[in-house]
Amino acid sequence: MDMRKEYSERELALFIHFGYEYMIDIGTDALQPDTFYQLMVEVAFLNNMKGPKVDSLRRCYFALKNRTCYRGTPEWDAMIKLSS
């Protein structure tokens, strides 16, 4: 699986920020998007991270879990703020 085709540029930027850039290149069929988001949430929580990317992650994870917005839509990417 080529993750660069499965995720938007904004999502890929979040993966890089949270230390999962290696997952972009190796890809895997075993981990679904919700799993990647959960891993990033854990990294942010355990490292007490703050900032616009963490806030974006929080919005996306909330939407993912509550099905209020869907990945691959303009509304999803609009939730991801890469800078303040």
PDB file of N, CA and C in Angstrom:
ATOM      1  N   MET A   1       0.852  -1.177   0.000  1.00  0.00           N
ATOM      2  CA  MET A   1       0.000   0.000   0.000  1.00  0.00           C
ATOM      3  C   MET A   1       0.891   1.231   0.000  1.00  0.00           C
ATOM      4  N   ASP A   2       0.637   2.144  -0.899  1.00  0.00           N
ATOM      5  CA  ASP A   2       1.359   3.410  -0.947  1.00  0.00           C
ATOM      6  C   ASP A   2       0.570   4.432  -0.144  1.00  0.00           C
ATOM      7  N   MET A   3       1.060   4.725   1.072  1.00  0.00           N
ATOM      8  CA  MET A   3       0.331   5.629   1.952  1.00  0.00           C
ATOM      9  C   MET A   3       0.201   7.020   1.368  1.00  0.00           C
ATOM     10  N   ARG A   4       1.094   7.395   0.475  1.00  0.00           N
ATOM     11  CA  ARG A   4       1.004   8.727  -0.106  1.00  0.00           C
ATOM     12  C   ARG A   4      -0.254   8.875  -0.955  1.00  0.00           C
ATOM     13  N   LYS A   5      -0.822   7.760  -1.383  1.00  0.00           N
ATOM     14  CA  LYS A   5      -2.073   7.806  -2.139  1.00  0.00           C
ATOM     15  C   LYS A   5      -3.283   7.701  -1.219  1.00  0.00           C
ATOM     16  N   GLU A   6      -3.091   7.144  -0.023  1.00  0.00           N
ATOM     17  CA  GLU A   6      -4.199   6.904   0.897  1.00  0.00           C
ATOM     18  C   GLU A   6      -4.503   8.096   1.804  1.00  0.00           C
ATOM     19  N   TYR A   7      -3.549   9.022   1.934  1.00  0.00           N
ATOM     20  CA  TYR A   7      -3.684  10.136   2.864  1.00  0.00           C
ATOM     21  C   TYR A   7      -3.443  11.455   2.153  1.00  0.00           C
ATOM     22  N   SER A   8      -4.100  12.503   2.628  1.00  0.00           N
ATOM     23  CA  SER A   8      -3.894  13.831   2.053  1.00  0.00           C
ATOM     24  C   SER A   8      -2.532  14.382   2.488  1.00  0.00           C
ATOM     25  N   GLU A   9      -2.111  15.432   1.833  1.00  0.00           N
ATOM     26  CA  GLU A   9      -0.836  16.068   2.199  1.00  0.00           C
ATOM     27  C   GLU A   9      -0.875  16.570   3.640  1.00  0.00           C
ATOM     28  N   ARG A  10      -2.005  17.060   4.075  1.00  0.00           N
ATOM     29  CA  ARG A  10      -2.126  17.545   5.457  1.00  0.00           C
ATOM     30  C   ARG A  10      -2.018  16.386   6.450  1.00  0.00           C
ATOM     31  N   GLU A  11      -2.651  15.267   6.118  1.00  0.00           N
ATOM     32  CA  GLU A  11      -2.532  14.102   6.996  1.00  0.00           C
ATOM     33  C   GLU A  11      -1.088  13.617   7.048  1.00  0.00           C
ATOM     34  N   LEU A  12      -0.432  13.576   5.915  1.00  0.00           N
ATOM     35  CA  LEU A  12       0.970  13.152   5.878  1.00  0.00           C
ATOM     36  C   LEU A  12       1.838  14.068   6.728  1.00  0.00           C
ATOM     37  N   ALA A  13       1.544  15.365   6.717  1.00  0.00           N
ATOM     38  CA  ALA A  13       2.304  16.310   7.542  1.00  0.00           C
ATOM     39  C   ALA A  13       2.122  15.990   9.026  1.00  0.00           C
ATOM     40  N   LEU A  14       0.913  15.557   9.416  1.00  0.00           N
ATOM     41  CA  LEU A  14       0.701  15.157  10.815  1.00  0.00           C
ATOM     42  C   LEU A  14       1.525  13.921  11.156  1.00  0.00           C
ATOM     43  N   PHE A  15       1.538  12.931  10.265  1.00  0.00           N
ATOM     44  CA  PHE A  15       2.348  11.735  10.511  1.00  0.00           C
ATOM     45  C   PHE A  15       3.806  12.106  10.732  1.00  0.00           C
ATOM     46  N   ILE A  16       4.320  12.974   9.917  1.00  0.00           N
ATOM     47  CA  ILE A  16       5.717  13.396  10.039  1.00  0.00           C
ATOM     48  C   ILE A  16       5.935  14.108  11.378  1.00  0.00           C
ATOM     49  N   HIS A  17       5.034  15.015  11.724  1.00  0.00           N
ATOM     50  CA  HIS A  17       5.172  15.774  12.971  1.00  0.00           C
ATOM     51  C   HIS A  17       5.197  14.861  14.197  1.00  0.00           C
ATOM     52  N   PHE A  18       4.389  13.813  14.187  1.00  0.00           N
ATOM     53  CA  PHE A  18       4.291  12.931  15.341  1.00  0.00           C
ATOM     54  C   PHE A  18       5.256  11.751  15.279  1.00  0.00           C
ATOM     55  N   GLY A  19       6.178  11.769  14.319  1.00  0.00           N
ATOM     56  CA  GLY A  19       7.243  10.777  14.292  1.00  0.00           C
ATOM     57  C   GLY A  19       6.939   9.496  13.542  1.00  0.00           C
ATOM     58  N   TYR A  20       5.957   9.516  12.680  1.00  0.00           N
ATOM     59  CA  TYR A  20       5.609   8.310  11.934  1.00  0.00           C
ATOM     60  C   TYR A  20       5.942   8.420  10.451  1.00  0.00           C
ATOM     61  N   GLU A  21       6.949   9.221  10.133  1.00  0.00           N
ATOM     62  CA  GLU A  21       7.312   9.381   8.717  1.00  0.00           C
ATOM     63  C   GLU A  21       7.763   8.064   8.084  1.00  0.00           C
ATOM     64  N   TYR A  22       8.361   7.188   8.878  1.00  0.00           N
ATOM     65  CA  TYR A  22       8.800   5.900   8.333  1.00  0.00           C
ATOM     66  C   TYR A  22       7.609   5.055   7.894  1.00  0.00           C
ATOM     67  N   MET A  23       6.459   5.231   8.518  1.00  0.00           N
ATOM     68  CA  MET A  23       5.265   4.472   8.129  1.00  0.00           C
ATOM     69  C   MET A  23       4.754   4.899   6.758  1.00  0.00           C
ATOM     70  N   ILE A  24       5.030   6.139   6.393  1.00  0.00           N
ATOM     71  CA  ILE A  24       4.593   6.623   5.084  1.00  0.00           C
ATOM     72  C   ILE A  24       5.269   5.824   3.986  1.00  0.00           C
ATOM     73  N   ASP A  25       6.549   5.570   4.165  1.00  0.00           N
ATOM     74  CA  ASP A  25       7.307   4.904   3.111  1.00  0.00           C
ATOM     75  C   ASP A  25       7.178   3.383   3.124  1.00  0.00           C
ATOM     76  N   ILE A  26       7.053   2.789   4.303  1.00  0.00           N
ATOM     77  CA  ILE A  26       6.940   1.332   4.307  1.00  0.00           C
ATOM     78  C   ILE A  26       5.508   0.881   4.089  1.00  0.00           C
ATOM     79  N   GLY A  27       4.543   1.678   4.579  1.00  0.00           N
ATOM     80  CA  GLY A  27       3.138   1.328   4.402  1.00  0.00           C
ATOM     81  C   GLY A  27       2.818  -0.028   4.996  1.00  0.00           C
ATOM     82  N   THR A  28       1.567  -0.261   5.209  1.00  0.00           N
ATOM     83  CA  THR A  28       1.134  -1.547   5.735  1.00  0.00           C
ATOM     84  C   THR A  28      -0.362  -1.688   5.556  1.00  0.00           C
ATOM     85  N   ASP A  29      -0.788  -2.879   5.276  1.00  0.00           N
ATOM     86  CA  ASP A  29      -2.221  -3.134   5.187  1.00  0.00           C
ATOM     87  C   ASP A  29      -2.803  -3.431   6.556  1.00  0.00           C
ATOM     88  N   ALA A  30      -1.953  -3.705   7.531  1.00  0.00           N
ATOM     89  CA  ALA A  30      -2.422  -4.111   8.850  1.00  0.00           C
ATOM     90  C   ALA A  30      -2.961  -2.937   9.666  1.00  0.00           C
ATOM     91  N   LEU A  31      -2.452  -1.741   9.428  1.00  0.00           N
ATOM     92  CA  LEU A  31      -2.874  -0.580  10.209  1.00  0.00           C
ATOM     93  C   LEU A  31      -3.813   0.299   9.401  1.00  0.00           C
ATOM     94  N   GLN A  32      -5.008   0.463   9.912  1.00  0.00           N
ATOM     95  CA  GLN A  32      -6.011   1.303   9.273  1.00  0.00           C
ATOM     96  C   GLN A  32      -5.830   2.748   9.742  1.00  0.00           C
ATOM     97  N   PRO A  33      -6.430   3.712   9.042  1.00  0.00           N
ATOM     98  CA  PRO A  33      -6.277   5.120   9.434  1.00  0.00           C
ATOM     99  C   PRO A  33      -6.611   5.392  10.892  1.00  0.00           C
ATOM    100  N   ASP A  34      -7.662   4.788  11.417  1.00  0.00           N
ATOM    101  CA  ASP A  34      -7.997   5.060  12.819  1.00  0.00           C
ATOM    102  C   ASP A  34      -6.893   4.617  13.760  1.00  0.00           C
ATOM    103  N   THR A  35      -6.164   3.571  13.391  1.00  0.00           N
ATOM    104  CA  THR A  35      -5.040   3.108  14.206  1.00  0.00           C
ATOM    105  C   THR A  35      -3.905   4.120  14.180  1.00  0.00           C
ATOM    106  N   PHE A  36      -3.603   4.673  13.001  1.00  0.00           N
ATOM    107  CA  PHE A  36      -2.561   5.692  12.917  1.00  0.00           C
ATOM    108  C   PHE A  36      -2.925   6.909  13.759  1.00  0.00           C
ATOM    109  N   TYR A  37      -4.165   7.324  13.672  1.00  0.00           N
ATOM    110  CA  TYR A  37      -4.589   8.478  14.472  1.00  0.00           C
ATOM    111  C   TYR A  37      -4.493   8.168  15.957  1.00  0.00           C
ATOM    112  N   GLN A  38      -4.867   6.975  16.366  1.00  0.00           N
ATOM    113  CA  GLN A  38      -4.766   6.599  17.775  1.00  0.00           C
ATOM    114  C   GLN A  38      -3.309   6.617  18.242  1.00  0.00           C
ATOM    115  N   LEU A  39      -2.403   6.120  17.416  1.00  0.00           N
ATOM    116  CA  LEU A  39      -0.976   6.151  17.760  1.00  0.00           C
ATOM    117  C   LEU A  39      -0.492   7.586  17.944  1.00  0.00           C
ATOM    118  N   MET A  40      -0.932   8.484  17.065  1.00  0.00           N
ATOM    119  CA  MET A  40      -0.511   9.883  17.184  1.00  0.00           C
ATOM    120  C   MET A  40      -1.088  10.513  18.440  1.00  0.00           C
ATOM    121  N   VAL A  41      -2.325  10.184  18.788  1.00  0.00           N
ATOM    122  CA  VAL A  41      -2.937  10.695  20.015  1.00  0.00           C
ATOM    123  C   VAL A  41      -2.117  10.256  21.227  1.00  0.00           C
ATOM    124  N   GLU A  42      -1.703   9.014  21.235  1.00  0.00           N
ATOM    125  CA  GLU A  42      -0.896   8.507  22.345  1.00  0.00           C
ATOM    126  C   GLU A  42       0.437   9.247  22.446  1.00  0.00           C
ATOM    127  N   VAL A  43       1.090   9.477  21.315  1.00  0.00           N
ATOM    128  CA  VAL A  43       2.358  10.216  21.315  1.00  0.00           C
ATOM    129  C   VAL A  43       2.132  11.622  21.879  1.00  0.00           C
ATOM    130  N   ALA A  44       1.090  12.297  21.407  1.00  0.00           N
ATOM    131  CA  ALA A  44       0.805  13.655  21.877  1.00  0.00           C
ATOM    132  C   ALA A  44       0.514  13.677  23.369  1.00  0.00           C
ATOM    133  N   PHE A  45      -0.273  12.723  23.836  1.00  0.00           N
ATOM    134  CA  PHE A  45      -0.631  12.664  25.250  1.00  0.00           C
ATOM    135  C   PHE A  45       0.588  12.354  26.115  1.00  0.00           C
ATOM    136  N   LEU A  46       1.311  11.310  25.773  1.00  0.00           N
ATOM    137  CA  LEU A  46       2.444  10.880  26.594  1.00  0.00           C
ATOM    138  C   LEU A  46       3.563  11.910  26.649  1.00  0.00           C
ATOM    139  N   ASN A  47       3.691  12.696  25.578  1.00  0.00           N
ATOM    140  CA  ASN A  47       4.744  13.711  25.530  1.00  0.00           C
ATOM    141  C   ASN A  47       4.240  15.103  25.871  1.00  0.00           C
ATOM    142  N   ASN A  48       2.984  15.180  26.321  1.00  0.00           N
ATOM    143  CA  ASN A  48       2.389  16.456  26.721  1.00  0.00           C
ATOM    144  C   ASN A  48       2.595  17.525  25.636  1.00  0.00           C
ATOM    145  N   MET A  49       2.361  17.144  24.404  1.00  0.00           N
ATOM    146  CA  MET A  49       2.577  18.049  23.276  1.00  0.00           C
ATOM    147  C   MET A  49       1.454  19.074  23.195  1.00  0.00           C
ATOM    148  N   LYS A  50       1.795  20.224  22.644  1.00  0.00           N
ATOM    149  CA  LYS A  50       0.833  21.310  22.462  1.00  0.00           C
ATOM    150  C   LYS A  50       1.085  21.962  21.111  1.00  0.00           C
ATOM    151  N   GLY A  51       0.142  22.748  20.656  1.00  0.00           N
ATOM    152  CA  GLY A  51       0.315  23.489  19.424  1.00  0.00           C
ATOM    153  C   GLY A  51      -0.767  23.183  18.403  1.00  0.00           C
ATOM    154  N   PRO A  52      -0.709  23.875  17.268  1.00  0.00           N
ATOM    155  CA  PRO A  52      -1.764  23.737  16.258  1.00  0.00           C
ATOM    156  C   PRO A  52      -1.889  22.335  15.671  1.00  0.00           C
ATOM    157  N   LYS A  53      -0.796  21.620  15.546  1.00  0.00           N
ATOM    158  CA  LYS A  53      -0.875  20.264  14.990  1.00  0.00           C
ATOM    159  C   LYS A  53      -1.532  19.313  15.984  1.00  0.00           C
ATOM    160  N   VAL A  54      -1.268  19.528  17.258  1.00  0.00           N
ATOM    161  CA  VAL A  54      -1.909  18.704  18.289  1.00  0.00           C
ATOM    162  C   VAL A  54      -3.400  19.030  18.346  1.00  0.00           C
ATOM    163  N   ASP A  55      -3.737  20.299  18.258  1.00  0.00           N
ATOM    164  CA  ASP A  55      -5.150  20.685  18.235  1.00  0.00           C
ATOM    165  C   ASP A  55      -5.839  20.099  17.002  1.00  0.00           C
ATOM    166  N   SER A  56      -5.150  20.080  15.879  1.00  0.00           N
ATOM    167  CA  SER A  56      -5.698  19.480  14.660  1.00  0.00           C
ATOM    168  C   SER A  56      -5.932  17.992  14.855  1.00  0.00           C
ATOM    169  N   LEU A  57      -4.956  17.333  15.454  1.00  0.00           N
ATOM    170  CA  LEU A  57      -5.086  15.911  15.732  1.00  0.00           C
ATOM    171  C   LEU A  57      -6.295  15.646  16.624  1.00  0.00           C
ATOM    172  N   ARG A  58      -6.469  16.471  17.632  1.00  0.00           N
ATOM    173  CA  ARG A  58      -7.607  16.318  18.550  1.00  0.00           C
ATOM    174  C   ARG A  58      -8.928  16.438  17.783  1.00  0.00           C
ATOM    175  N   ARG A  59      -9.032  17.458  16.920  1.00  0.00           N
ATOM    176  CA  ARG A  59     -10.261  17.637  16.133  1.00  0.00           C
ATOM    177  C   ARG A  59     -10.515  16.431  15.228  1.00  0.00           C
ATOM    178  N   CYS A  60      -9.470  15.986  14.550  1.00  0.00           N
ATOM    179  CA  CYS A  60      -9.611  14.858  13.618  1.00  0.00           C
ATOM    180  C   CYS A  60      -9.973  13.569  14.347  1.00  0.00           C
ATOM    181  N   TYR A  61      -9.323  13.315  15.450  1.00  0.00           N
ATOM    182  CA  TYR A  61      -9.594  12.078  16.176  1.00  0.00           C
ATOM    183  C   TYR A  61     -11.016  12.082  16.731  1.00  0.00           C
ATOM    184  N   PHE A  62     -11.448  13.235  17.235  1.00  0.00           N
ATOM    185  CA  PHE A  62     -12.817  13.363  17.725  1.00  0.00           C
ATOM    186  C   PHE A  62     -13.809  13.082  16.592  1.00  0.00           C
ATOM    187  N   ALA A  63     -13.567  13.696  15.432  1.00  0.00           N
ATOM    188  CA  ALA A  63     -14.448  13.495  14.273  1.00  0.00           C
ATOM    189  C   ALA A  63     -14.433  12.042  13.812  1.00  0.00           C
ATOM    190  N   LEU A  64     -13.259  11.436  13.833  1.00  0.00           N
ATOM    191  CA  LEU A  64     -13.126  10.039  13.420  1.00  0.00           C
ATOM    192  C   LEU A  64     -13.935   9.122  14.337  1.00  0.00           C
ATOM    193  N   LYS A  65     -13.811   9.339  15.625  1.00  0.00           N
ATOM    194  CA  LYS A  65     -14.492   8.485  16.596  1.00  0.00           C
ATOM    195  C   LYS A  65     -15.995   8.729  16.636  1.00  0.00           C
ATOM    196  N   ASN A  66     -16.416   9.967  16.426  1.00  0.00           N
ATOM    197  CA  ASN A  66     -17.829  10.314  16.523  1.00  0.00           C
ATOM    198  C   ASN A  66     -18.519  10.407  15.162  1.00  0.00           C
ATOM    199  N   ARG A  67     -17.750  10.165  14.109  1.00  0.00           N
ATOM    200  CA  ARG A  67     -18.285  10.179  12.745  1.00  0.00           C
ATOM    201  C   ARG A  67     -18.995  11.486  12.401  1.00  0.00           C
ATOM    202  N   THR A  68     -18.377  12.597  12.819  1.00  0.00           N
ATOM    203  CA  THR A  68     -18.955  13.904  12.513  1.00  0.00           C
ATOM    204  C   THR A  68     -18.388  14.497  11.231  1.00  0.00           C
ATOM    205  N   CYS A  69     -17.296  13.923  10.761  1.00  0.00           N
ATOM    206  CA  CYS A  69     -16.656  14.361   9.524  1.00  0.00           C
ATOM    207  C   CYS A  69     -15.869  13.174   9.008  1.00  0.00           C
ATOM    208  N   TYR A  70     -15.657  13.102   7.717  1.00  0.00           N
ATOM    209  CA  TYR A  70     -15.027  11.920   7.140  1.00  0.00           C
ATOM    210  C   TYR A  70     -13.724  12.250   6.428  1.00  0.00           C
ATOM    211  N   ARG A  71     -12.766  11.358   6.580  1.00  0.00           N
ATOM    212  CA  ARG A  71     -11.476  11.488   5.915  1.00  0.00           C
ATOM    213  C   ARG A  71     -11.691  11.566   4.405  1.00  0.00           C
ATOM    214  N   GLY A  72     -10.765  12.255   3.754  1.00  0.00           N
ATOM    215  CA  GLY A  72     -10.821  12.352   2.305  1.00  0.00           C
ATOM    216  C   GLY A  72     -11.772  13.420   1.800  1.00  0.00           C
ATOM    217  N   THR A  73     -12.311  14.211   2.720  1.00  0.00           N
ATOM    218  CA  THR A  73     -13.210  15.292   2.319  1.00  0.00           C
ATOM    219  C   THR A  73     -12.526  16.636   2.556  1.00  0.00           C
ATOM    220  N   PRO A  74     -12.975  17.668   1.862  1.00  0.00           N
ATOM    221  CA  PRO A  74     -12.413  19.009   2.126  1.00  0.00           C
ATOM    222  C   PRO A  74     -12.628  19.448   3.573  1.00  0.00           C
ATOM    223  N   GLU A  75     -13.739  19.035   4.167  1.00  0.00           N
ATOM    224  CA  GLU A  75     -14.011  19.400   5.563  1.00  0.00           C
ATOM    225  C   GLU A  75     -12.978  18.786   6.503  1.00  0.00           C
ATOM    226  N   TRP A  76     -12.547  17.567   6.193  1.00  0.00           N
ATOM    227  CA  TRP A  76     -11.529  16.900   7.012  1.00  0.00           C
ATOM    228  C   TRP A  76     -10.213  17.674   6.944  1.00  0.00           C
ATOM    229  N   ASP A  77      -9.781  17.941   5.734  1.00  0.00           N
ATOM    230  CA  ASP A  77      -8.509  18.659   5.584  1.00  0.00           C
ATOM    231  C   ASP A  77      -8.579  20.059   6.191  1.00  0.00           C
ATOM    232  N   ALA A  78      -9.762  20.675   6.193  1.00  0.00           N
ATOM    233  CA  ALA A  78      -9.901  22.002   6.781  1.00  0.00           C
ATOM    234  C   ALA A  78      -9.690  21.981   8.290  1.00  0.00           C
ATOM    235  N   MET A  79      -9.885  20.814   8.920  1.00  0.00           N
ATOM    236  CA  MET A  79      -9.657  20.702  10.367  1.00  0.00           C
ATOM    237  C   MET A  79      -8.178  20.659  10.707  1.00  0.00           C
ATOM    238  N   ILE A  80      -7.332  20.376   9.728  1.00  0.00           N
ATOM    239  CA  ILE A  80      -5.900  20.222   9.985  1.00  0.00           C
ATOM    240  C   ILE A  80      -5.194  21.547   9.740  1.00  0.00           C
ATOM    241  N   LYS A  81      -4.783  22.180  10.812  1.00  0.00           N
ATOM    242  CA  LYS A  81      -4.030  23.442  10.751  1.00  0.00           C
ATOM    243  C   LYS A  81      -2.576  23.118  11.057  1.00  0.00           C
ATOM    244  N   LEU A  82      -1.709  23.371  10.112  1.00  0.00           N
ATOM    245  CA  LEU A  82      -0.302  22.988  10.258  1.00  0.00           C
ATOM    246  C   LEU A  82       0.538  24.077  10.908  1.00  0.00           C
ATOM    247  N   SER A  83      -0.003  25.272  11.012  1.00  0.00           N
ATOM    248  CA  SER A  83       0.692  26.358  11.711  1.00  0.00           C
ATOM    249  C   SER A  83      -0.351  27.269  12.339  1.00  0.00           C
ATOM    250  N   SER A  84       0.127  28.144  13.210  1.00  0.00           N
ATOM    251  CA  SER A  84      -0.824  29.022  13.927  1.00  0.00           C
ATOM    252  C   SER A  84      -1.177  30.242  13.121  1.00  0.00           C
TER     253      SER A  84
END
